[in-house]
Amino acid sequence: MKRVIAVLVAVALLASVGTAVLVWQLSRDAGPDLPEISAFSAGQLTRVGPYRFCQVLNPTDCVVPADQGELPVSGRHPVQLSLPSEIAKAPWVLLRAYEDGDVIEEFRPNARLAVTIPTVDAQRGRLTGFAVQLPTLVRDQDGNEFPVPHAEWSVRTSWS
C-alpha cells in the first residue's frame, strides 16, 4: 500500500514539474499581446498584427514586428475591414493605396469598428493595399504640431 502511494506521489510531482516547465517554455518567447485587424474579401480572410507599435507618450519606444498581411482580391468583391475596440476607441486613420493615387480617411474615437473598402476606384485604379494608423500629435523644436503614427497595421492586396 505504501509503495502504491509513493508511486502516485512521484507521478503527481513529475506531472506538476512537467506542466510548469511546459508553461514556462511556451510563455518565455511570447511577445507583447498587440491588437490585430481583420480583412475579408471574396471568401478570404487575413488577420494581421501591427507592422509597428510604439508607446503613445514616447513614440521612440517601439516594437517593430514588421507584420504585413496579404489578401487576395478581385474587382467584384470589396474588402471588409474590421478593427478591435482597442484600435477603434482612439482616433484612427485609414490609408487606401490605389495604382494611381491614395485615399486618406480619418475616423473619430468609437465611431467605426468596420469599413468597406472598394477594390477598384474609377479615378485611381486597383487597390494595391491599405493601412490603419493611430496618430499622435508631436511638436518639433520650432513648436509646430503635426500627427505622427505611433502604430500601423498594413495589408497588401494580391489580384487573381
N, C-alpha and C. Protein backbone atom coordinates (compact mmCIF):
# COMPACT_ATOMS: atom_id res chain seq x y z
N MET A 1 0.83 -1.19 0.00
CA MET A 1 0.00 0.00 0.00
C MET A 1 0.88 1.26 0.00
N LYS A 2 1.94 1.22 0.86
CA LYS A 2 2.83 2.38 0.92
C LYS A 2 3.55 2.59 -0.41
N ARG A 3 3.87 1.50 -1.06
CA ARG A 3 4.56 1.60 -2.35
C ARG A 3 3.65 2.25 -3.41
N VAL A 4 2.37 1.92 -3.43
CA VAL A 4 1.41 2.50 -4.38
C VAL A 4 1.27 4.00 -4.13
N ILE A 5 1.18 4.41 -2.88
CA ILE A 5 1.07 5.83 -2.53
C ILE A 5 2.34 6.58 -2.95
N ALA A 6 3.50 5.97 -2.71
CA ALA A 6 4.76 6.61 -3.09
C ALA A 6 4.85 6.79 -4.60
N VAL A 7 4.40 5.80 -5.38
CA VAL A 7 4.41 5.90 -6.84
C VAL A 7 3.46 7.00 -7.29
N LEU A 8 2.26 7.07 -6.71
CA LEU A 8 1.29 8.10 -7.07
C LEU A 8 1.82 9.50 -6.75
N VAL A 9 2.47 9.67 -5.63
CA VAL A 9 3.05 10.96 -5.26
C VAL A 9 4.16 11.33 -6.25
N ALA A 10 4.99 10.35 -6.63
CA ALA A 10 6.06 10.62 -7.59
C ALA A 10 5.49 11.01 -8.95
N VAL A 11 4.45 10.33 -9.39
CA VAL A 11 3.82 10.66 -10.68
C VAL A 11 3.20 12.06 -10.62
N ALA A 12 2.53 12.39 -9.53
CA ALA A 12 1.93 13.72 -9.38
C ALA A 12 3.01 14.81 -9.38
N LEU A 13 4.11 14.54 -8.69
CA LEU A 13 5.21 15.51 -8.63
C LEU A 13 5.83 15.71 -10.02
N LEU A 14 6.08 14.62 -10.75
CA LEU A 14 6.63 14.73 -12.10
C LEU A 14 5.67 15.45 -13.04
N ALA A 15 4.38 15.18 -12.92
CA ALA A 15 3.39 15.85 -13.76
C ALA A 15 3.35 17.35 -13.47
N SER A 16 3.44 17.72 -12.20
CA SER A 16 3.44 19.14 -11.84
C SER A 16 4.67 19.84 -12.37
N VAL A 17 5.83 19.22 -12.22
CA VAL A 17 7.08 19.80 -12.72
C VAL A 17 7.03 19.90 -14.24
N GLY A 18 6.55 18.87 -14.90
CA GLY A 18 6.44 18.88 -16.36
C GLY A 18 5.51 19.98 -16.86
N THR A 19 4.39 20.17 -16.18
CA THR A 19 3.46 21.23 -16.56
C THR A 19 4.09 22.60 -16.37
N ALA A 20 4.78 22.80 -15.27
CA ALA A 20 5.43 24.09 -15.01
C ALA A 20 6.49 24.38 -16.07
N VAL A 21 7.28 23.38 -16.46
CA VAL A 21 8.30 23.57 -17.48
C VAL A 21 7.65 23.88 -18.83
N LEU A 22 6.57 23.21 -19.16
CA LEU A 22 5.87 23.45 -20.42
C LEU A 22 5.30 24.87 -20.47
N VAL A 23 4.66 25.31 -19.40
CA VAL A 23 4.10 26.68 -19.35
C VAL A 23 5.23 27.70 -19.47
N TRP A 24 6.32 27.49 -18.78
CA TRP A 24 7.46 28.40 -18.87
C TRP A 24 8.00 28.45 -20.30
N GLN A 25 8.17 27.29 -20.92
CA GLN A 25 8.72 27.22 -22.27
C GLN A 25 7.81 27.92 -23.28
N LEU A 26 6.52 27.73 -23.17
CA LEU A 26 5.59 28.35 -24.11
C LEU A 26 5.45 29.85 -23.92
N SER A 27 5.64 30.34 -22.71
CA SER A 27 5.42 31.76 -22.45
C SER A 27 6.69 32.60 -22.47
N ARG A 28 7.85 32.01 -22.46
CA ARG A 28 9.08 32.81 -22.37
C ARG A 28 9.37 33.60 -23.64
N ASP A 29 8.98 33.09 -24.82
CA ASP A 29 9.24 33.80 -26.06
C ASP A 29 8.03 34.60 -26.53
N ALA A 30 6.97 34.62 -25.77
CA ALA A 30 5.77 35.35 -26.18
C ALA A 30 6.03 36.85 -26.11
N GLY A 31 5.75 37.52 -27.22
CA GLY A 31 5.91 38.97 -27.27
C GLY A 31 4.71 39.63 -26.63
N PRO A 32 4.66 40.95 -26.72
CA PRO A 32 3.53 41.65 -26.17
C PRO A 32 2.25 41.28 -26.91
N ASP A 33 1.14 41.31 -26.21
CA ASP A 33 -0.15 40.98 -26.80
C ASP A 33 -0.68 42.22 -27.50
N LEU A 34 -0.43 42.32 -28.80
CA LEU A 34 -0.79 43.50 -29.57
C LEU A 34 -2.06 43.24 -30.37
N PRO A 35 -2.89 44.26 -30.57
CA PRO A 35 -4.15 44.06 -31.30
C PRO A 35 -3.92 43.72 -32.76
N GLU A 36 -4.89 43.04 -33.35
CA GLU A 36 -4.86 42.66 -34.76
C GLU A 36 -6.06 43.24 -35.47
N ILE A 37 -5.90 43.50 -36.78
CA ILE A 37 -7.02 43.87 -37.62
C ILE A 37 -7.39 42.66 -38.47
N SER A 38 -8.61 42.65 -39.00
CA SER A 38 -9.08 41.58 -39.88
C SER A 38 -9.56 42.20 -41.18
N ALA A 39 -9.28 41.53 -42.28
CA ALA A 39 -9.76 41.96 -43.59
C ALA A 39 -10.30 40.74 -44.32
N PHE A 40 -11.48 40.92 -44.93
CA PHE A 40 -12.17 39.82 -45.60
C PHE A 40 -12.60 40.27 -46.99
N SER A 41 -12.39 39.42 -47.99
CA SER A 41 -12.86 39.70 -49.35
C SER A 41 -12.94 38.40 -50.12
N ALA A 42 -14.01 38.24 -50.86
CA ALA A 42 -14.18 37.10 -51.78
C ALA A 42 -13.91 35.75 -51.10
N GLY A 43 -14.39 35.60 -49.89
CA GLY A 43 -14.22 34.33 -49.18
C GLY A 43 -12.87 34.14 -48.52
N GLN A 44 -11.99 35.13 -48.57
CA GLN A 44 -10.67 35.03 -47.97
C GLN A 44 -10.56 35.97 -46.77
N LEU A 45 -9.91 35.51 -45.72
CA LEU A 45 -9.74 36.29 -44.50
C LEU A 45 -8.26 36.37 -44.16
N THR A 46 -7.84 37.54 -43.72
CA THR A 46 -6.49 37.69 -43.17
C THR A 46 -6.59 38.46 -41.87
N ARG A 47 -5.80 38.04 -40.89
CA ARG A 47 -5.67 38.74 -39.62
C ARG A 47 -4.20 39.12 -39.49
N VAL A 48 -3.96 40.36 -39.11
CA VAL A 48 -2.57 40.80 -39.05
C VAL A 48 -2.34 41.68 -37.82
N GLY A 49 -1.21 41.45 -37.20
CA GLY A 49 -0.78 42.29 -36.10
C GLY A 49 -0.09 43.54 -36.65
N PRO A 50 0.36 44.39 -35.78
CA PRO A 50 0.94 45.66 -36.24
C PRO A 50 2.28 45.48 -36.94
N TYR A 51 2.51 46.35 -37.91
CA TYR A 51 3.82 46.45 -38.53
C TYR A 51 4.77 47.14 -37.55
N ARG A 52 4.22 48.14 -36.88
CA ARG A 52 4.98 48.93 -35.90
C ARG A 52 4.03 49.36 -34.80
N PHE A 53 4.49 49.31 -33.55
CA PHE A 53 3.64 49.68 -32.42
C PHE A 53 4.51 50.38 -31.38
N CYS A 54 4.26 51.69 -31.17
CA CYS A 54 5.05 52.50 -30.26
C CYS A 54 4.20 52.97 -29.09
N GLN A 55 4.86 53.37 -28.02
CA GLN A 55 4.17 53.94 -26.88
C GLN A 55 3.62 55.32 -27.27
N VAL A 56 2.40 55.62 -26.84
CA VAL A 56 1.76 56.89 -27.21
C VAL A 56 2.56 58.08 -26.69
N LEU A 57 2.98 58.02 -25.44
CA LEU A 57 3.68 59.15 -24.85
C LEU A 57 5.17 59.17 -25.15
N ASN A 58 5.68 58.09 -25.73
CA ASN A 58 7.09 58.05 -26.11
C ASN A 58 7.19 57.34 -27.46
N PRO A 59 6.95 58.07 -28.57
CA PRO A 59 6.90 57.43 -29.87
C PRO A 59 8.22 56.86 -30.37
N THR A 60 9.27 56.98 -29.59
CA THR A 60 10.53 56.34 -29.96
C THR A 60 10.70 54.98 -29.28
N ASP A 61 9.80 54.64 -28.34
CA ASP A 61 9.82 53.34 -27.66
C ASP A 61 8.87 52.41 -28.43
N CYS A 62 9.44 51.62 -29.33
CA CYS A 62 8.63 50.85 -30.28
C CYS A 62 8.95 49.36 -30.27
N VAL A 63 7.95 48.61 -30.66
CA VAL A 63 8.09 47.21 -31.03
C VAL A 63 7.82 47.17 -32.53
N VAL A 64 8.70 46.54 -33.30
CA VAL A 64 8.53 46.50 -34.75
C VAL A 64 8.49 45.05 -35.22
N PRO A 65 7.31 44.40 -35.09
CA PRO A 65 7.21 43.03 -35.57
C PRO A 65 7.29 42.93 -37.09
N ALA A 66 7.03 44.05 -37.79
CA ALA A 66 7.07 44.13 -39.26
C ALA A 66 6.08 43.16 -39.91
N ASP A 67 4.95 42.91 -39.24
CA ASP A 67 3.91 42.06 -39.83
C ASP A 67 3.22 42.82 -40.95
N GLN A 68 2.98 42.13 -42.04
CA GLN A 68 2.19 42.70 -43.13
C GLN A 68 1.31 41.59 -43.66
N GLY A 69 0.01 41.86 -43.70
CA GLY A 69 -0.92 40.87 -44.21
C GLY A 69 -0.99 40.91 -45.73
N GLU A 70 -1.55 39.86 -46.28
CA GLU A 70 -1.80 39.81 -47.71
C GLU A 70 -3.20 39.25 -47.90
N LEU A 71 -3.97 39.89 -48.79
CA LEU A 71 -5.35 39.49 -49.02
C LEU A 71 -5.61 39.35 -50.51
N PRO A 72 -6.00 38.16 -50.98
CA PRO A 72 -6.41 38.02 -52.38
C PRO A 72 -7.72 38.78 -52.61
N VAL A 73 -7.77 39.56 -53.69
CA VAL A 73 -8.97 40.35 -54.00
C VAL A 73 -9.33 40.21 -55.47
N SER A 74 -10.53 40.65 -55.80
CA SER A 74 -10.99 40.74 -57.17
C SER A 74 -11.77 42.04 -57.31
N GLY A 75 -12.09 42.40 -58.52
CA GLY A 75 -12.85 43.63 -58.75
C GLY A 75 -14.32 43.50 -58.40
N ARG A 76 -14.79 42.29 -58.14
CA ARG A 76 -16.21 42.07 -57.86
C ARG A 76 -16.57 42.15 -56.39
N HIS A 77 -15.59 42.02 -55.49
CA HIS A 77 -15.88 41.98 -54.06
C HIS A 77 -15.07 43.03 -53.31
N PRO A 78 -15.73 43.88 -52.53
CA PRO A 78 -14.97 44.85 -51.73
C PRO A 78 -14.28 44.17 -50.56
N VAL A 79 -13.42 44.89 -49.90
CA VAL A 79 -12.75 44.42 -48.69
C VAL A 79 -13.56 44.89 -47.49
N GLN A 80 -13.81 43.98 -46.56
CA GLN A 80 -14.46 44.32 -45.31
C GLN A 80 -13.37 44.36 -44.23
N LEU A 81 -13.06 45.55 -43.76
CA LEU A 81 -12.03 45.75 -42.74
C LEU A 81 -12.70 45.82 -41.37
N SER A 82 -12.20 45.05 -40.41
CA SER A 82 -12.72 45.06 -39.04
C SER A 82 -11.61 45.40 -38.07
N LEU A 83 -11.93 46.26 -37.12
CA LEU A 83 -10.97 46.68 -36.11
C LEU A 83 -11.44 46.26 -34.73
N PRO A 84 -10.52 45.88 -33.85
CA PRO A 84 -10.91 45.63 -32.46
C PRO A 84 -11.15 46.96 -31.75
N SER A 85 -11.86 46.91 -30.66
CA SER A 85 -12.17 48.14 -29.93
C SER A 85 -10.92 48.83 -29.41
N GLU A 86 -9.82 48.08 -29.17
CA GLU A 86 -8.58 48.71 -28.70
C GLU A 86 -8.06 49.74 -29.70
N ILE A 87 -8.31 49.51 -30.98
CA ILE A 87 -7.90 50.46 -32.01
C ILE A 87 -8.98 51.50 -32.23
N ALA A 88 -10.22 51.05 -32.37
CA ALA A 88 -11.32 51.96 -32.72
C ALA A 88 -11.68 52.95 -31.63
N LYS A 89 -11.27 52.71 -30.39
CA LYS A 89 -11.59 53.66 -29.32
C LYS A 89 -10.74 54.92 -29.38
N ALA A 90 -9.74 54.92 -30.25
CA ALA A 90 -8.86 56.09 -30.44
C ALA A 90 -9.15 56.70 -31.81
N PRO A 91 -8.71 57.93 -32.03
CA PRO A 91 -8.79 58.44 -33.40
C PRO A 91 -7.88 57.57 -34.28
N TRP A 92 -8.35 57.21 -35.46
CA TRP A 92 -7.53 56.37 -36.34
C TRP A 92 -7.68 56.82 -37.78
N VAL A 93 -6.71 56.40 -38.59
CA VAL A 93 -6.63 56.81 -39.99
C VAL A 93 -6.58 55.56 -40.86
N LEU A 94 -7.33 55.59 -41.96
CA LEU A 94 -7.29 54.53 -42.96
C LEU A 94 -6.64 55.08 -44.22
N LEU A 95 -5.55 54.47 -44.63
CA LEU A 95 -4.86 54.84 -45.87
C LEU A 95 -5.15 53.76 -46.89
N ARG A 96 -5.76 54.15 -48.01
CA ARG A 96 -6.03 53.20 -49.09
C ARG A 96 -5.10 53.54 -50.24
N ALA A 97 -4.29 52.59 -50.67
CA ALA A 97 -3.34 52.81 -51.76
C ALA A 97 -3.90 52.16 -53.03
N TYR A 98 -4.10 52.98 -54.04
CA TYR A 98 -4.54 52.50 -55.35
C TYR A 98 -3.40 52.70 -56.34
N GLU A 99 -3.52 52.11 -57.52
CA GLU A 99 -2.46 52.20 -58.53
C GLU A 99 -2.10 53.64 -58.87
N ASP A 100 -3.09 54.51 -58.93
CA ASP A 100 -2.85 55.89 -59.37
C ASP A 100 -3.17 56.93 -58.32
N GLY A 101 -3.02 56.61 -57.05
CA GLY A 101 -3.26 57.61 -56.00
C GLY A 101 -3.77 56.98 -54.73
N ASP A 102 -3.66 57.73 -53.67
CA ASP A 102 -4.06 57.25 -52.35
C ASP A 102 -5.28 58.01 -51.85
N VAL A 103 -6.00 57.38 -50.93
CA VAL A 103 -7.14 58.00 -50.25
C VAL A 103 -6.87 57.90 -48.75
N ILE A 104 -7.04 59.01 -48.05
CA ILE A 104 -6.82 59.04 -46.61
C ILE A 104 -8.14 59.42 -45.94
N GLU A 105 -8.58 58.59 -45.00
CA GLU A 105 -9.80 58.86 -44.24
C GLU A 105 -9.45 58.89 -42.75
N GLU A 106 -10.01 59.85 -42.04
CA GLU A 106 -9.81 59.95 -40.59
C GLU A 106 -11.12 59.59 -39.89
N PHE A 107 -11.00 58.86 -38.78
CA PHE A 107 -12.18 58.44 -38.02
C PHE A 107 -12.05 58.89 -36.58
N ARG A 108 -13.15 59.31 -36.03
CA ARG A 108 -13.21 59.75 -34.63
C ARG A 108 -13.20 58.53 -33.71
N PRO A 109 -12.83 58.73 -32.44
CA PRO A 109 -12.86 57.62 -31.48
C PRO A 109 -14.26 57.02 -31.36
N ASN A 110 -14.32 55.72 -31.30
CA ASN A 110 -15.55 54.95 -31.12
C ASN A 110 -16.58 55.18 -32.22
N ALA A 111 -16.15 55.67 -33.39
CA ALA A 111 -17.08 55.94 -34.48
C ALA A 111 -17.32 54.71 -35.36
N ARG A 112 -16.28 53.91 -35.61
CA ARG A 112 -16.41 52.78 -36.54
C ARG A 112 -15.57 51.60 -36.08
N LEU A 113 -16.14 50.42 -36.17
CA LEU A 113 -15.41 49.17 -35.95
C LEU A 113 -15.16 48.43 -37.26
N ALA A 114 -15.81 48.90 -38.34
CA ALA A 114 -15.67 48.24 -39.64
C ALA A 114 -15.82 49.27 -40.75
N VAL A 115 -15.14 48.98 -41.86
CA VAL A 115 -15.18 49.85 -43.04
C VAL A 115 -15.19 48.95 -44.27
N THR A 116 -15.97 49.34 -45.28
CA THR A 116 -15.96 48.66 -46.57
C THR A 116 -15.04 49.43 -47.50
N ILE A 117 -14.09 48.73 -48.10
CA ILE A 117 -13.11 49.35 -48.98
C ILE A 117 -13.32 48.82 -50.40
N PRO A 118 -13.63 49.72 -51.34
CA PRO A 118 -13.76 49.27 -52.73
C PRO A 118 -12.40 48.80 -53.28
N THR A 119 -12.41 47.70 -54.03
CA THR A 119 -11.15 47.20 -54.58
C THR A 119 -10.78 47.89 -55.88
N VAL A 120 -11.74 48.59 -56.48
CA VAL A 120 -11.46 49.36 -57.69
C VAL A 120 -12.06 50.74 -57.52
N ASP A 121 -11.27 51.76 -57.83
CA ASP A 121 -11.73 53.15 -57.80
C ASP A 121 -11.68 53.68 -59.23
N ALA A 122 -12.76 54.34 -59.68
CA ALA A 122 -12.84 54.80 -61.07
C ALA A 122 -11.69 55.72 -61.47
N GLN A 123 -11.23 56.58 -60.56
CA GLN A 123 -10.14 57.51 -60.89
C GLN A 123 -8.75 56.97 -60.54
N ARG A 124 -8.67 56.08 -59.58
CA ARG A 124 -7.36 55.67 -59.06
C ARG A 124 -6.94 54.24 -59.43
N GLY A 125 -7.84 53.45 -60.00
CA GLY A 125 -7.50 52.10 -60.41
C GLY A 125 -7.70 51.06 -59.31
N ARG A 126 -6.88 50.03 -59.37
CA ARG A 126 -7.00 48.89 -58.44
C ARG A 126 -6.37 49.20 -57.08
N LEU A 127 -6.96 48.60 -56.06
CA LEU A 127 -6.43 48.70 -54.69
C LEU A 127 -5.16 47.86 -54.60
N THR A 128 -4.06 48.48 -54.17
CA THR A 128 -2.81 47.74 -54.01
C THR A 128 -2.52 47.40 -52.54
N GLY A 129 -3.21 48.09 -51.63
CA GLY A 129 -3.04 47.80 -50.21
C GLY A 129 -3.71 48.87 -49.37
N PHE A 130 -3.69 48.66 -48.07
CA PHE A 130 -4.26 49.64 -47.15
C PHE A 130 -3.57 49.51 -45.80
N ALA A 131 -3.67 50.57 -45.03
CA ALA A 131 -3.05 50.59 -43.71
C ALA A 131 -3.96 51.33 -42.74
N VAL A 132 -3.92 50.88 -41.50
CA VAL A 132 -4.61 51.54 -40.39
C VAL A 132 -3.53 52.13 -39.50
N GLN A 133 -3.69 53.40 -39.16
CA GLN A 133 -2.70 54.07 -38.32
C GLN A 133 -3.37 54.73 -37.12
N LEU A 134 -2.65 54.76 -36.01
CA LEU A 134 -3.06 55.51 -34.82
C LEU A 134 -2.12 56.71 -34.70
N PRO A 135 -2.63 57.91 -34.93
CA PRO A 135 -1.76 59.09 -34.89
C PRO A 135 -1.59 59.65 -33.48
N THR A 136 -0.45 60.28 -33.28
CA THR A 136 -0.14 61.03 -32.06
C THR A 136 0.35 62.40 -32.49
N LEU A 137 -0.11 63.45 -31.82
CA LEU A 137 0.40 64.78 -32.12
C LEU A 137 1.76 64.96 -31.47
N VAL A 138 2.73 65.38 -32.26
CA VAL A 138 4.06 65.66 -31.74
C VAL A 138 4.41 67.11 -32.06
N ARG A 139 5.34 67.64 -31.32
CA ARG A 139 5.77 69.02 -31.51
C ARG A 139 7.27 69.02 -31.81
N ASP A 140 7.65 69.75 -32.87
CA ASP A 140 9.07 69.85 -33.20
C ASP A 140 9.72 70.99 -32.41
N GLN A 141 11.01 71.19 -32.61
CA GLN A 141 11.75 72.19 -31.83
C GLN A 141 11.27 73.61 -32.09
N ASP A 142 10.56 73.83 -33.22
CA ASP A 142 10.04 75.17 -33.52
C ASP A 142 8.63 75.38 -32.97
N GLY A 143 8.08 74.37 -32.29
CA GLY A 143 6.75 74.48 -31.71
C GLY A 143 5.63 74.08 -32.65
N ASN A 144 5.94 73.57 -33.84
CA ASN A 144 4.93 73.13 -34.79
C ASN A 144 4.40 71.76 -34.38
N GLU A 145 3.08 71.61 -34.37
CA GLU A 145 2.46 70.32 -34.05
C GLU A 145 2.01 69.63 -35.32
N PHE A 146 2.20 68.32 -35.38
CA PHE A 146 1.76 67.55 -36.53
C PHE A 146 1.56 66.10 -36.08
N PRO A 147 0.66 65.37 -36.78
CA PRO A 147 0.42 63.97 -36.41
C PRO A 147 1.50 63.04 -36.94
N VAL A 148 1.88 62.09 -36.11
CA VAL A 148 2.82 61.03 -36.49
C VAL A 148 2.20 59.71 -36.02
N PRO A 149 2.17 58.70 -36.88
CA PRO A 149 1.57 57.43 -36.44
C PRO A 149 2.45 56.74 -35.39
N HIS A 150 1.82 56.35 -34.28
CA HIS A 150 2.57 55.58 -33.28
C HIS A 150 2.31 54.08 -33.42
N ALA A 151 1.34 53.73 -34.28
CA ALA A 151 1.07 52.32 -34.56
C ALA A 151 0.52 52.20 -35.97
N GLU A 152 0.86 51.09 -36.64
CA GLU A 152 0.38 50.88 -38.00
C GLU A 152 0.19 49.40 -38.29
N TRP A 153 -0.93 49.09 -38.96
CA TRP A 153 -1.24 47.75 -39.44
C TRP A 153 -1.34 47.85 -40.95
N SER A 154 -0.75 46.91 -41.66
CA SER A 154 -0.64 47.02 -43.12
C SER A 154 -1.07 45.73 -43.81
N VAL A 155 -1.83 45.88 -44.89
CA VAL A 155 -2.26 44.73 -45.70
C VAL A 155 -2.05 45.08 -47.17
N ARG A 156 -1.36 44.22 -47.88
CA ARG A 156 -1.23 44.38 -49.33
C ARG A 156 -2.24 43.46 -50.01
N THR A 157 -2.66 43.84 -51.20
CA THR A 157 -3.62 43.02 -51.93
C THR A 157 -2.91 42.24 -53.03
N SER A 158 -3.45 41.09 -53.34
CA SER A 158 -2.95 40.31 -54.49
C SER A 158 -4.15 40.03 -55.39
N TRP A 159 -3.98 40.34 -56.65
CA TRP A 159 -5.06 40.21 -57.62
C TRP A 159 -4.96 38.88 -58.33
N SER A 160 -6.11 38.20 -58.47
CA SER A 160 -6.10 36.90 -59.15
C SER A 160 -6.39 37.05 -60.64
